[in-house]
N, C-alpha and C. Protein backbone atom coordinates (compact mmCIF):
# COMPACT_ATOMS: atom_id res chain seq x y z
N MET A 1 93.54 104.17 93.49
CA MET A 1 94.76 103.48 93.79
C MET A 1 94.43 102.15 94.47
N VAL A 2 95.09 101.10 94.04
CA VAL A 2 94.88 99.77 94.61
C VAL A 2 96.01 99.46 95.59
N VAL A 3 95.64 98.94 96.74
CA VAL A 3 96.60 98.53 97.75
C VAL A 3 96.39 97.04 98.01
N LEU A 4 97.46 96.25 97.88
CA LEU A 4 97.37 94.82 98.11
C LEU A 4 97.65 94.49 99.57
N ALA A 5 96.91 93.52 100.09
CA ALA A 5 97.13 92.99 101.44
C ALA A 5 97.00 91.47 101.34
N PHE A 6 97.48 90.79 102.34
CA PHE A 6 97.45 89.33 102.34
C PHE A 6 96.66 88.86 103.56
N ALA A 7 95.87 87.80 103.34
CA ALA A 7 94.98 87.29 104.39
C ALA A 7 95.76 86.81 105.61
N ASP A 8 96.94 86.24 105.40
CA ASP A 8 97.74 85.73 106.51
C ASP A 8 99.20 85.57 106.06
N PRO A 9 100.10 85.30 106.98
CA PRO A 9 101.52 85.17 106.63
C PRO A 9 101.81 84.05 105.62
N ALA A 10 101.04 82.98 105.66
CA ALA A 10 101.27 81.87 104.71
C ALA A 10 101.00 82.33 103.28
N VAL A 11 99.93 83.07 103.08
CA VAL A 11 99.60 83.57 101.74
C VAL A 11 100.66 84.58 101.31
N ARG A 12 101.09 85.42 102.23
CA ARG A 12 102.16 86.38 101.90
C ARG A 12 103.41 85.66 101.44
N SER A 13 103.77 84.61 102.12
CA SER A 13 104.95 83.83 101.75
C SER A 13 104.79 83.18 100.37
N GLN A 14 103.59 82.68 100.08
CA GLN A 14 103.32 82.06 98.78
C GLN A 14 103.39 83.07 97.64
N CYS A 15 103.24 84.35 97.95
CA CYS A 15 103.23 85.40 96.94
C CYS A 15 104.48 86.27 96.92
N CYS A 16 105.25 86.27 98.00
CA CYS A 16 106.35 87.25 98.11
C CYS A 16 107.72 86.65 98.40
N ASP A 17 107.78 85.44 98.90
CA ASP A 17 109.06 84.80 99.21
C ASP A 17 109.50 84.01 97.98
N LEU A 18 110.44 84.57 97.23
CA LEU A 18 110.81 84.01 95.94
C LEU A 18 111.26 82.55 96.01
N ALA A 19 112.07 82.19 96.99
CA ALA A 19 112.54 80.81 97.12
C ALA A 19 111.35 79.88 97.39
N HIS A 20 110.47 80.31 98.29
CA HIS A 20 109.28 79.51 98.62
C HIS A 20 108.37 79.38 97.39
N MET A 21 108.20 80.48 96.67
CA MET A 21 107.36 80.48 95.48
C MET A 21 107.89 79.50 94.43
N ARG A 22 109.19 79.53 94.22
CA ARG A 22 109.79 78.63 93.23
C ARG A 22 109.60 77.17 93.62
N ARG A 23 109.72 76.87 94.91
CA ARG A 23 109.51 75.48 95.37
C ARG A 23 108.05 75.06 95.15
N LEU A 24 107.13 75.94 95.47
CA LEU A 24 105.70 75.61 95.35
C LEU A 24 105.20 75.57 93.91
N TRP A 25 105.52 76.60 93.15
CA TRP A 25 104.89 76.80 91.85
C TRP A 25 105.80 76.54 90.66
N GLY A 26 107.12 76.48 90.90
CA GLY A 26 108.06 76.39 89.78
C GLY A 26 108.52 77.78 89.38
N ARG A 27 109.65 77.84 88.70
CA ARG A 27 110.28 79.11 88.36
C ARG A 27 109.38 80.02 87.51
N ASP A 28 108.82 79.47 86.43
CA ASP A 28 108.01 80.30 85.53
C ASP A 28 106.73 80.79 86.19
N ALA A 29 106.05 79.91 86.90
CA ALA A 29 104.81 80.31 87.57
C ALA A 29 105.08 81.32 88.67
N ALA A 30 106.20 81.17 89.38
CA ALA A 30 106.57 82.15 90.41
C ALA A 30 106.77 83.53 89.78
N TRP A 31 107.44 83.57 88.63
CA TRP A 31 107.65 84.84 87.93
C TRP A 31 106.30 85.43 87.52
N ARG A 32 105.42 84.60 86.96
CA ARG A 32 104.11 85.09 86.52
C ARG A 32 103.26 85.58 87.69
N LEU A 33 103.36 84.89 88.82
CA LEU A 33 102.63 85.31 90.02
C LEU A 33 103.12 86.68 90.48
N SER A 34 104.41 86.85 90.52
CA SER A 34 104.98 88.15 90.91
C SER A 34 104.54 89.24 89.93
N HIS A 35 104.56 88.95 88.66
CA HIS A 35 104.14 89.90 87.63
C HIS A 35 102.67 90.26 87.78
N ARG A 36 101.83 89.24 88.06
CA ARG A 36 100.40 89.50 88.22
C ARG A 36 100.14 90.42 89.41
N LEU A 37 100.86 90.21 90.51
CA LEU A 37 100.70 91.09 91.67
C LEU A 37 101.09 92.53 91.33
N GLN A 38 102.15 92.69 90.54
CA GLN A 38 102.56 94.02 90.12
C GLN A 38 101.48 94.67 89.25
N GLN A 39 100.86 93.88 88.37
CA GLN A 39 99.80 94.40 87.53
C GLN A 39 98.60 94.85 88.37
N LEU A 40 98.23 94.03 89.35
CA LEU A 40 97.11 94.40 90.23
C LEU A 40 97.42 95.67 91.00
N GLU A 41 98.62 95.77 91.50
CA GLU A 41 99.01 96.94 92.29
C GLU A 41 99.06 98.21 91.45
N ALA A 42 99.29 98.06 90.14
CA ALA A 42 99.38 99.23 89.25
C ALA A 42 98.01 99.78 88.84
N MET A 43 96.95 99.04 89.15
CA MET A 43 95.61 99.49 88.75
C MET A 43 95.17 100.69 89.60
N ALA A 44 94.34 101.52 89.00
CA ALA A 44 93.78 102.64 89.73
C ALA A 44 92.57 102.20 90.54
N SER A 45 91.82 101.21 90.02
CA SER A 45 90.65 100.67 90.71
C SER A 45 90.33 99.29 90.14
N LEU A 46 89.39 98.61 90.75
CA LEU A 46 88.99 97.28 90.26
C LEU A 46 88.39 97.34 88.86
N GLN A 47 87.84 98.47 88.48
CA GLN A 47 87.28 98.60 87.14
C GLN A 47 88.34 98.39 86.07
N ASP A 48 89.59 98.61 86.41
CA ASP A 48 90.69 98.39 85.46
C ASP A 48 90.83 96.93 85.05
N LEU A 49 90.26 96.01 85.82
CA LEU A 49 90.34 94.59 85.47
C LEU A 49 89.76 94.33 84.08
N ASP A 50 88.79 95.13 83.67
CA ASP A 50 88.19 94.96 82.35
C ASP A 50 89.19 95.17 81.22
N PHE A 51 90.28 95.86 81.51
CA PHE A 51 91.26 96.19 80.48
C PHE A 51 92.59 95.46 80.64
N MET A 52 92.66 94.59 81.62
CA MET A 52 93.91 93.88 81.88
C MET A 52 94.03 92.66 80.97
N PRO A 53 95.26 92.26 80.65
CA PRO A 53 95.47 91.15 79.70
C PRO A 53 95.41 89.77 80.35
N PHE A 54 94.51 89.59 81.31
CA PHE A 54 94.33 88.29 81.95
C PHE A 54 92.86 88.16 82.35
N ASP A 55 92.46 86.91 82.56
CA ASP A 55 91.07 86.64 82.91
C ASP A 55 90.82 86.84 84.40
N SER A 56 89.61 87.26 84.71
CA SER A 56 89.17 87.38 86.10
C SER A 56 87.66 87.17 86.12
N HIS A 57 87.17 86.67 87.23
CA HIS A 57 85.72 86.59 87.38
C HIS A 57 85.35 86.63 88.85
N ARG A 58 84.14 87.08 89.09
CA ARG A 58 83.63 87.26 90.46
C ARG A 58 82.72 86.10 90.81
N ASP A 59 82.96 85.51 91.98
CA ASP A 59 82.07 84.48 92.50
C ASP A 59 80.88 85.14 93.17
N GLY A 60 79.86 84.36 93.48
CA GLY A 60 78.65 84.87 94.10
C GLY A 60 78.87 85.52 95.45
N ASP A 61 79.92 85.10 96.16
CA ASP A 61 80.19 85.65 97.50
C ASP A 61 81.05 86.91 97.47
N GLY A 62 81.36 87.42 96.27
CA GLY A 62 82.18 88.63 96.15
C GLY A 62 83.65 88.37 95.96
N THR A 63 84.09 87.13 96.19
CA THR A 63 85.48 86.76 95.94
C THR A 63 85.73 86.80 94.44
N MET A 64 86.92 87.20 94.06
CA MET A 64 87.28 87.21 92.65
C MET A 64 88.44 86.26 92.43
N LEU A 65 88.44 85.62 91.27
CA LEU A 65 89.56 84.77 90.87
C LEU A 65 90.29 85.46 89.74
N ILE A 66 91.59 85.59 89.91
CA ILE A 66 92.45 86.23 88.93
C ILE A 66 93.38 85.17 88.36
N THR A 67 93.34 84.95 87.06
CA THR A 67 94.19 83.95 86.42
C THR A 67 95.65 84.38 86.46
N VAL A 68 96.52 83.45 86.85
CA VAL A 68 97.96 83.69 86.84
C VAL A 68 98.58 82.87 85.70
N THR A 69 98.30 81.59 85.69
CA THR A 69 98.72 80.67 84.63
C THR A 69 97.49 79.80 84.33
N PRO A 70 97.56 78.94 83.33
CA PRO A 70 96.41 78.06 83.09
C PRO A 70 96.06 77.19 84.30
N ASP A 71 97.01 76.97 85.22
CA ASP A 71 96.74 76.12 86.38
C ASP A 71 96.89 76.84 87.72
N LEU A 72 97.01 78.16 87.72
CA LEU A 72 97.23 78.88 88.97
C LEU A 72 96.38 80.15 88.96
N ALA A 73 95.75 80.44 90.11
CA ALA A 73 94.91 81.63 90.22
C ALA A 73 95.06 82.25 91.60
N LEU A 74 94.78 83.52 91.67
CA LEU A 74 94.72 84.25 92.93
C LEU A 74 93.26 84.43 93.31
N ALA A 75 92.92 84.12 94.54
CA ALA A 75 91.60 84.43 95.07
C ALA A 75 91.76 85.73 95.84
N ILE A 76 90.97 86.73 95.47
CA ILE A 76 91.06 88.02 96.13
C ILE A 76 89.69 88.42 96.67
N ARG A 77 89.74 89.23 97.72
CA ARG A 77 88.52 89.78 98.31
C ARG A 77 88.66 91.30 98.31
N PRO A 78 87.95 91.97 97.42
CA PRO A 78 88.02 93.43 97.41
C PRO A 78 87.26 94.00 98.60
N GLU A 79 87.79 95.05 99.16
CA GLU A 79 87.12 95.77 100.24
C GLU A 79 86.58 97.07 99.67
N PRO A 80 85.61 97.67 100.32
CA PRO A 80 85.03 98.91 99.79
C PRO A 80 86.09 100.01 99.64
N GLU A 81 85.93 100.79 98.58
CA GLU A 81 86.83 101.93 98.37
C GLU A 81 86.62 102.95 99.47
N HIS A 82 87.70 103.61 99.84
CA HIS A 82 87.58 104.72 100.78
C HIS A 82 88.65 105.75 100.43
N PRO A 83 88.30 107.01 100.54
CA PRO A 83 89.28 108.06 100.21
C PRO A 83 90.28 108.28 101.34
N VAL A 84 91.52 108.49 100.96
CA VAL A 84 92.57 108.87 101.89
C VAL A 84 93.21 110.13 101.31
N GLU A 85 93.04 111.23 102.01
CA GLU A 85 93.55 112.53 101.56
C GLU A 85 93.10 112.84 100.14
N GLY A 86 91.82 112.55 99.86
CA GLY A 86 91.24 112.88 98.56
C GLY A 86 91.50 111.87 97.46
N VAL A 87 92.23 110.80 97.74
CA VAL A 87 92.53 109.78 96.74
C VAL A 87 91.73 108.53 97.07
N ALA A 88 91.00 108.00 96.09
CA ALA A 88 90.22 106.78 96.30
C ALA A 88 91.18 105.60 96.47
N MET A 89 91.05 104.88 97.58
CA MET A 89 91.91 103.73 97.88
C MET A 89 91.06 102.47 97.82
N GLN A 90 91.52 101.48 97.07
CA GLN A 90 90.84 100.19 96.97
C GLN A 90 91.78 99.14 97.53
N ARG A 91 91.42 98.58 98.68
CA ARG A 91 92.23 97.53 99.28
C ARG A 91 91.75 96.18 98.76
N ILE A 92 92.69 95.38 98.29
CA ILE A 92 92.40 94.04 97.79
C ILE A 92 93.16 93.06 98.67
N VAL A 93 92.44 92.13 99.29
CA VAL A 93 93.06 91.13 100.15
C VAL A 93 93.21 89.84 99.35
N ILE A 94 94.44 89.37 99.24
CA ILE A 94 94.70 88.10 98.58
C ILE A 94 94.48 87.02 99.62
N THR A 95 93.46 86.20 99.39
CA THR A 95 93.08 85.20 100.38
C THR A 95 93.77 83.87 100.18
N GLN A 96 94.11 83.55 98.91
CA GLN A 96 94.83 82.31 98.65
C GLN A 96 95.34 82.25 97.22
N VAL A 97 96.34 81.42 97.04
CA VAL A 97 96.82 81.06 95.71
C VAL A 97 96.39 79.62 95.53
N LEU A 98 95.73 79.34 94.42
CA LEU A 98 95.22 77.98 94.26
C LEU A 98 95.45 77.43 92.87
N ARG A 99 95.55 76.13 92.83
CA ARG A 99 95.64 75.41 91.56
C ARG A 99 94.24 75.35 90.97
N THR A 100 94.09 75.80 89.76
CA THR A 100 92.77 75.80 89.14
C THR A 100 92.30 74.37 88.85
N SER A 101 93.22 73.44 88.68
CA SER A 101 92.81 72.05 88.48
C SER A 101 92.13 71.52 89.74
N THR A 102 92.60 71.92 90.91
CA THR A 102 91.98 71.54 92.15
C THR A 102 90.61 72.20 92.29
N LEU A 103 90.51 73.46 91.88
CA LEU A 103 89.26 74.19 91.93
C LEU A 103 88.21 73.53 91.06
N ALA A 104 88.60 73.11 89.86
CA ALA A 104 87.65 72.49 88.92
C ALA A 104 87.09 71.18 89.52
N ARG A 105 87.91 70.43 90.22
CA ARG A 105 87.46 69.17 90.80
C ARG A 105 86.52 69.39 91.98
N SER A 106 86.67 70.52 92.69
CA SER A 106 85.86 70.74 93.89
C SER A 106 84.49 71.35 93.59
N THR A 107 84.28 71.82 92.35
CA THR A 107 82.98 72.43 92.02
C THR A 107 82.07 71.46 91.33
């Protein structure tokens, strides 16, 4: 089971406050971001990423980038799995929402 968490209140607002999301990302991207979070939360484990209909890749530091739109991505930090009452729990911390065009310029 995957459990989503947010690195800080600003990231939570960028991902969960619909009015704020629409102002930042636009209506369609806000919808896609919300949908992507639902898809992540529905996974049983990170291994399910191999079967999801979107791109993802792991950076050298363990951070993963999850594609939301051609210009928007989620940076996530997976934490080690741990069982809770016999169920494997995978906590994923969303560290930021970023424009991939900005990411491409910084690398």
